[in-house]
Amino acid sequence: MIGMRCAPVLFTALAIGAAGCTSTGAASPPSAVETLTPLIAQALPNVPGKTFTSAIVEFPPGARAAPHRHGDAFIYAYVLDGAVRSQVDDSPVTEYRQGQNWVEQPGAHHVLTENTSPTEPARLLVVFVSNTGDELKVDDPHR
């Protein structure tokens, strides 16, 4: 179980890892990436082995997340500002605007998440119910 004293260090490391996992070609400028900032992580006393984590995910203008998974976590996402385009598994691509939300089932493959605006940022509140100690986001291997 992650103690609350250790949680900020662990989740800061996760956020840095999630934000720094991009590759760029030699001829192209670096693209904007999202940042994940955990707000709270709390072990669920009535569900042994599970942790509740809330986080803010920020997408600069034009930012696009790498395809990724959230392990065995159940995800709830709520758009605080802006709009994002999202696709989970083989579902249709959907645009979510401020005030809209979606869920991702455990093991789902998030193949597309991007800010739809080239000029305005987008922000999400994301809630994870995950296995204690699991990474919150694991990008697909680079091809």
C-alpha atoms as a PDB file:
ATOM      1  CA  MET A   1       0.000   0.000   0.000  1.00  0.00           C
ATOM      2  CA  ILE A   2       1.359   3.449  -0.884  1.00  0.00           C
ATOM      3  CA  GLY A   3       1.634   5.684   2.152  1.00  0.00           C
ATOM      4  CA  MET A   4       0.380   9.218   1.677  1.00  0.00           C
ATOM      5  CA  ARG A   5       3.917  10.521   2.366  1.00  0.00           C
ATOM      6  CA  CYS A   6       5.318   8.496  -0.551  1.00  0.00           C
ATOM      7  CA  ALA A   7       2.442   9.128  -2.946  1.00  0.00           C
ATOM      8  CA  PRO A   8       3.490  12.663  -4.052  1.00  0.00           C
ATOM      9  CA  VAL A   9       7.011  11.462  -4.931  1.00  0.00           C
ATOM     10  CA  LEU A  10       5.733   8.395  -6.785  1.00  0.00           C
ATOM     11  CA  PHE A  11       3.079  10.276  -8.712  1.00  0.00           C
ATOM     12  CA  THR A  12       5.442  13.136  -9.578  1.00  0.00           C
ATOM     13  CA  ALA A  13       7.771  10.538 -11.082  1.00  0.00           C
ATOM     14  CA  LEU A  14       4.870   9.003 -12.991  1.00  0.00           C
ATOM     15  CA  ALA A  15       3.787  12.394 -14.300  1.00  0.00           C
ATOM     16  CA  ILE A  16       7.308  13.205 -15.475  1.00  0.00           C
ATOM     17  CA  GLY A  17       7.554   9.808 -17.149  1.00  0.00           C
ATOM     18  CA  ALA A  18       4.160  10.198 -18.816  1.00  0.00           C
ATOM     19  CA  ALA A  19       4.974  13.701 -20.018  1.00  0.00           C
ATOM     20  CA  GLY A  20       8.419  12.831 -21.355  1.00  0.00           C
ATOM     21  CA  CYS A  21       7.583   9.787 -23.453  1.00  0.00           C
ATOM     22  CA  THR A  22       7.611  11.179 -26.985  1.00  0.00           C
ATOM     23  CA  SER A  23       9.804  10.724 -30.009  1.00  0.00           C
ATOM     24  CA  THR A  24      10.484  13.221 -32.742  1.00  0.00           C
ATOM     25  CA  GLY A  25      11.992  12.931 -36.177  1.00  0.00           C
ATOM     26  CA  ALA A  26      15.204  14.806 -36.925  1.00  0.00           C
ATOM     27  CA  ALA A  27      13.466  17.118 -39.393  1.00  0.00           C
ATOM     28  CA  SER A  28      10.321  17.858 -37.385  1.00  0.00           C
ATOM     29  CA  PRO A  29       9.962  20.077 -34.313  1.00  0.00           C
ATOM     30  CA  PRO A  30       8.928  18.425 -31.037  1.00  0.00           C
ATOM     31  CA  SER A  31       5.168  18.078 -30.708  1.00  0.00           C
ATOM     32  CA  ALA A  32       3.273  19.187 -27.633  1.00  0.00           C
ATOM     33  CA  VAL A  33       2.467  16.432 -25.141  1.00  0.00           C
ATOM     34  CA  GLU A  34       0.024  16.121 -22.300  1.00  0.00           C
ATOM     35  CA  THR A  35       0.979  16.350 -18.630  1.00  0.00           C
ATOM     36  CA  LEU A  36      -0.628  14.309 -15.854  1.00  0.00           C
ATOM     37  CA  THR A  37      -0.641  15.880 -12.378  1.00  0.00           C
ATOM     38  CA  PRO A  38      -2.002  13.635  -9.601  1.00  0.00           C
ATOM     39  CA  LEU A  39      -4.109  15.404  -6.982  1.00  0.00           C
ATOM     40  CA  ILE A  40      -4.715  12.611  -4.464  1.00  0.00           C
ATOM     41  CA  ALA A  41      -4.080   8.896  -4.151  1.00  0.00           C
ATOM     42  CA  GLN A  42      -5.923   6.938  -1.489  1.00  0.00           C
ATOM     43  CA  ALA A  43      -6.025   3.205  -0.855  1.00  0.00           C
ATOM     44  CA  LEU A  44      -9.624   1.970  -0.775  1.00  0.00           C
ATOM     45  CA  PRO A  45     -10.111   0.340   2.639  1.00  0.00           C
ATOM     46  CA  ASN A  46     -13.184  -1.609   1.539  1.00  0.00           C
ATOM     47  CA  VAL A  47     -11.517  -2.891  -1.669  1.00  0.00           C
ATOM     48  CA  PRO A  48      -8.154  -4.424  -0.702  1.00  0.00           C
ATOM     49  CA  GLY A  49      -5.433  -3.930  -3.304  1.00  0.00           C
ATOM     50  CA  LYS A  50      -7.169  -1.008  -5.045  1.00  0.00           C
ATOM     51  CA  THR A  51      -6.286   2.699  -5.015  1.00  0.00           C
ATOM     52  CA  PHE A  52      -8.380   5.740  -5.984  1.00  0.00           C
ATOM     53  CA  THR A  53      -6.373   8.452  -7.749  1.00  0.00           C
ATOM     54  CA  SER A  54      -7.601  11.737  -9.183  1.00  0.00           C
ATOM     55  CA  ALA A  55      -5.471  13.763 -11.573  1.00  0.00           C
ATOM     56  CA  ILE A  56      -5.547  16.730 -13.915  1.00  0.00           C
ATOM     57  CA  VAL A  57      -4.411  16.014 -17.471  1.00  0.00           C
ATOM     58  CA  GLU A  58      -3.453  19.112 -19.442  1.00  0.00           C
ATOM     59  CA  PHE A  59      -3.170  19.219 -23.234  1.00  0.00           C
ATOM     60  CA  PRO A  60      -1.432  22.270 -24.703  1.00  0.00           C
ATOM     61  CA  PRO A  61      -2.844  23.529 -28.017  1.00  0.00           C
ATOM     62  CA  GLY A  62      -2.503  20.802 -30.648  1.00  0.00           C
ATOM     63  CA  ALA A  63      -1.171  18.222 -28.169  1.00  0.00           C
ATOM     64  CA  ARG A  64      -1.733  14.531 -28.786  1.00  0.00           C
ATOM     65  CA  ALA A  65      -1.116  11.682 -26.334  1.00  0.00           C
ATOM     66  CA  ALA A  66       0.718   8.567 -27.441  1.00  0.00           C
ATOM     67  CA  PRO A  67      -1.529   5.496 -27.729  1.00  0.00           C
ATOM     68  CA  HIS A  68      -1.638   3.972 -24.261  1.00  0.00           C
ATOM     69  CA  ARG A  69      -3.323   1.757 -21.686  1.00  0.00           C
ATOM     70  CA  HIS A  70      -4.119   2.176 -18.012  1.00  0.00           C
ATOM     71  CA  GLY A  71      -3.498  -1.458 -17.031  1.00  0.00           C
ATOM     72  CA  ASP A  72      -6.372  -2.917 -15.041  1.00  0.00           C
ATOM     73  CA  ALA A  73      -7.628   0.514 -13.945  1.00  0.00           C
ATOM     74  CA  PHE A  74     -11.194   1.723 -14.400  1.00  0.00           C
ATOM     75  CA  ILE A  75     -11.091   5.307 -15.734  1.00  0.00           C
ATOM     76  CA  TYR A  76     -13.552   8.193 -15.534  1.00  0.00           C
ATOM     77  CA  ALA A  77     -12.631  11.349 -17.501  1.00  0.00           C
ATOM     78  CA  TYR A  78     -14.379  14.744 -17.344  1.00  0.00           C
ATOM     79  CA  VAL A  79     -13.510  17.677 -19.634  1.00  0.00           C
ATOM     80  CA  LEU A  80     -12.861  20.774 -17.505  1.00  0.00           C
ATOM     81  CA  ASP A  81     -11.780  23.106 -20.327  1.00  0.00           C
ATOM     82  CA  GLY A  82     -11.538  22.937 -24.102  1.00  0.00           C
ATOM     83  CA  ALA A  83     -12.288  19.874 -26.189  1.00  0.00           C
ATOM     84  CA  VAL A  84     -10.546  16.569 -26.885  1.00  0.00           C
ATOM     85  CA  ARG A  85     -10.963  13.936 -29.561  1.00  0.00           C
ATOM     86  CA  SER A  86     -10.815  10.391 -28.178  1.00  0.00           C
ATOM     87  CA  GLN A  87     -10.955   6.797 -29.372  1.00  0.00           C
ATOM     88  CA  VAL A  88     -10.895   3.767 -27.095  1.00  0.00           C
ATOM     89  CA  ASP A  89     -10.366   0.314 -28.643  1.00  0.00           C
ATOM     90  CA  ASP A  90     -12.359   0.089 -31.887  1.00  0.00           C
ATOM     91  CA  SER A  91     -15.124   2.491 -30.834  1.00  0.00           C
ATOM     92  CA  PRO A  92     -15.805   5.503 -33.092  1.00  0.00           C
ATOM     93  CA  VAL A  93     -13.676   8.636 -32.690  1.00  0.00           C
ATOM     94  CA  THR A  94     -15.644  11.004 -30.429  1.00  0.00           C
ATOM     95  CA  GLU A  95     -15.162  14.671 -29.545  1.00  0.00           C
ATOM     96  CA  TYR A  96     -15.785  15.615 -25.912  1.00  0.00           C
ATOM     97  CA  ARG A  97     -16.265  19.262 -24.943  1.00  0.00           C
ATOM     98  CA  GLN A  98     -16.254  21.089 -21.610  1.00  0.00           C
ATOM     99  CA  GLY A  99     -18.722  19.412 -19.228  1.00  0.00           C
ATOM    100  CA  GLN A 100     -18.805  16.067 -21.071  1.00  0.00           C
ATOM    101  CA  ASN A 101     -17.330  12.799 -19.808  1.00  0.00           C
ATOM    102  CA  TRP A 102     -16.547   9.174 -20.646  1.00  0.00           C
ATOM    103  CA  VAL A 103     -15.327   5.968 -19.027  1.00  0.00           C
ATOM    104  CA  GLU A 104     -12.677   3.433 -19.999  1.00  0.00           C
ATOM    105  CA  GLN A 105     -12.942  -0.181 -18.946  1.00  0.00           C
ATOM    106  CA  PRO A 106      -9.977  -2.043 -17.385  1.00  0.00           C
ATOM    107  CA  GLY A 107      -7.506  -3.141 -20.062  1.00  0.00           C
ATOM    108  CA  ALA A 108      -8.897  -0.746 -22.697  1.00  0.00           C
ATOM    109  CA  HIS A 109      -6.546   0.562 -25.387  1.00  0.00           C
ATOM    110  CA  HIS A 110      -6.735   4.345 -25.728  1.00  0.00           C
ATOM    111  CA  VAL A 111      -5.604   4.733 -29.331  1.00  0.00           C
ATOM    112  CA  LEU A 112      -6.363   8.459 -29.722  1.00  0.00           C
ATOM    113  CA  THR A 113      -6.499  11.411 -27.349  1.00  0.00           C
ATOM    114  CA  GLU A 114      -5.822  14.874 -28.713  1.00  0.00           C
ATOM    115  CA  ASN A 115      -6.660  18.510 -28.121  1.00  0.00           C
ATOM    116  CA  THR A 116      -8.895  19.611 -31.000  1.00  0.00           C
ATOM    117  CA  SER A 117      -7.727  23.235 -30.836  1.00  0.00           C
ATOM    118  CA  PRO A 118      -4.478  24.575 -32.307  1.00  0.00           C
ATOM    119  CA  THR A 119      -4.750  27.686 -30.083  1.00  0.00           C
ATOM    120  CA  GLU A 120      -6.511  26.789 -26.791  1.00  0.00           C
ATOM    121  CA  PRO A 121      -5.465  24.294 -24.092  1.00  0.00           C
ATOM    122  CA  ALA A 122      -7.700  21.453 -22.901  1.00  0.00           C
ATOM    123  CA  ARG A 123      -7.889  20.073 -19.349  1.00  0.00           C
ATOM    124  CA  LEU A 124      -9.400  16.857 -18.003  1.00  0.00           C
ATOM    125  CA  LEU A 125     -10.168  15.616 -14.513  1.00  0.00           C
ATOM    126  CA  VAL A 126      -9.355  11.909 -14.588  1.00  0.00           C
ATOM    127  CA  VAL A 127     -10.235   9.415 -11.846  1.00  0.00           C
ATOM    128  CA  PHE A 128      -8.458   6.052 -11.711  1.00  0.00           C
ATOM    129  CA  VAL A 129      -9.460   3.007  -9.658  1.00  0.00           C
ATOM    130  CA  SER A 130      -6.343   0.901 -10.103  1.00  0.00           C
ATOM    131  CA  ASN A 131      -4.366  -1.916  -8.582  1.00  0.00           C
ATOM    132  CA  THR A 132      -2.252  -0.414  -5.810  1.00  0.00           C
ATOM    133  CA  GLY A 133       1.257   0.258  -7.124  1.00  0.00           C
ATOM    134  CA  ASP A 134       0.393   0.043 -10.830  1.00  0.00           C
ATOM    135  CA  GLU A 135       1.482   2.787 -13.227  1.00  0.00           C
ATOM    136  CA  LEU A 136      -1.382   5.086 -14.158  1.00  0.00           C
ATOM    137  CA  LYS A 137      -0.493   5.268 -17.871  1.00  0.00           C
ATOM    138  CA  VAL A 138       1.683   3.044 -20.027  1.00  0.00           C
ATOM    139  CA  ASP A 139       2.415   4.285 -23.545  1.00  0.00           C
ATOM    140  CA  ASP A 140       2.559   1.765 -26.383  1.00  0.00           C
ATOM    141  CA  PRO A 141       6.115   0.854 -27.397  1.00  0.00           C
ATOM    142  CA  HIS A 142       7.549   3.112 -30.107  1.00  0.00           C
ATOM    143  CA  ARG A 143       7.562   1.469 -33.518  1.00  0.00           C
END
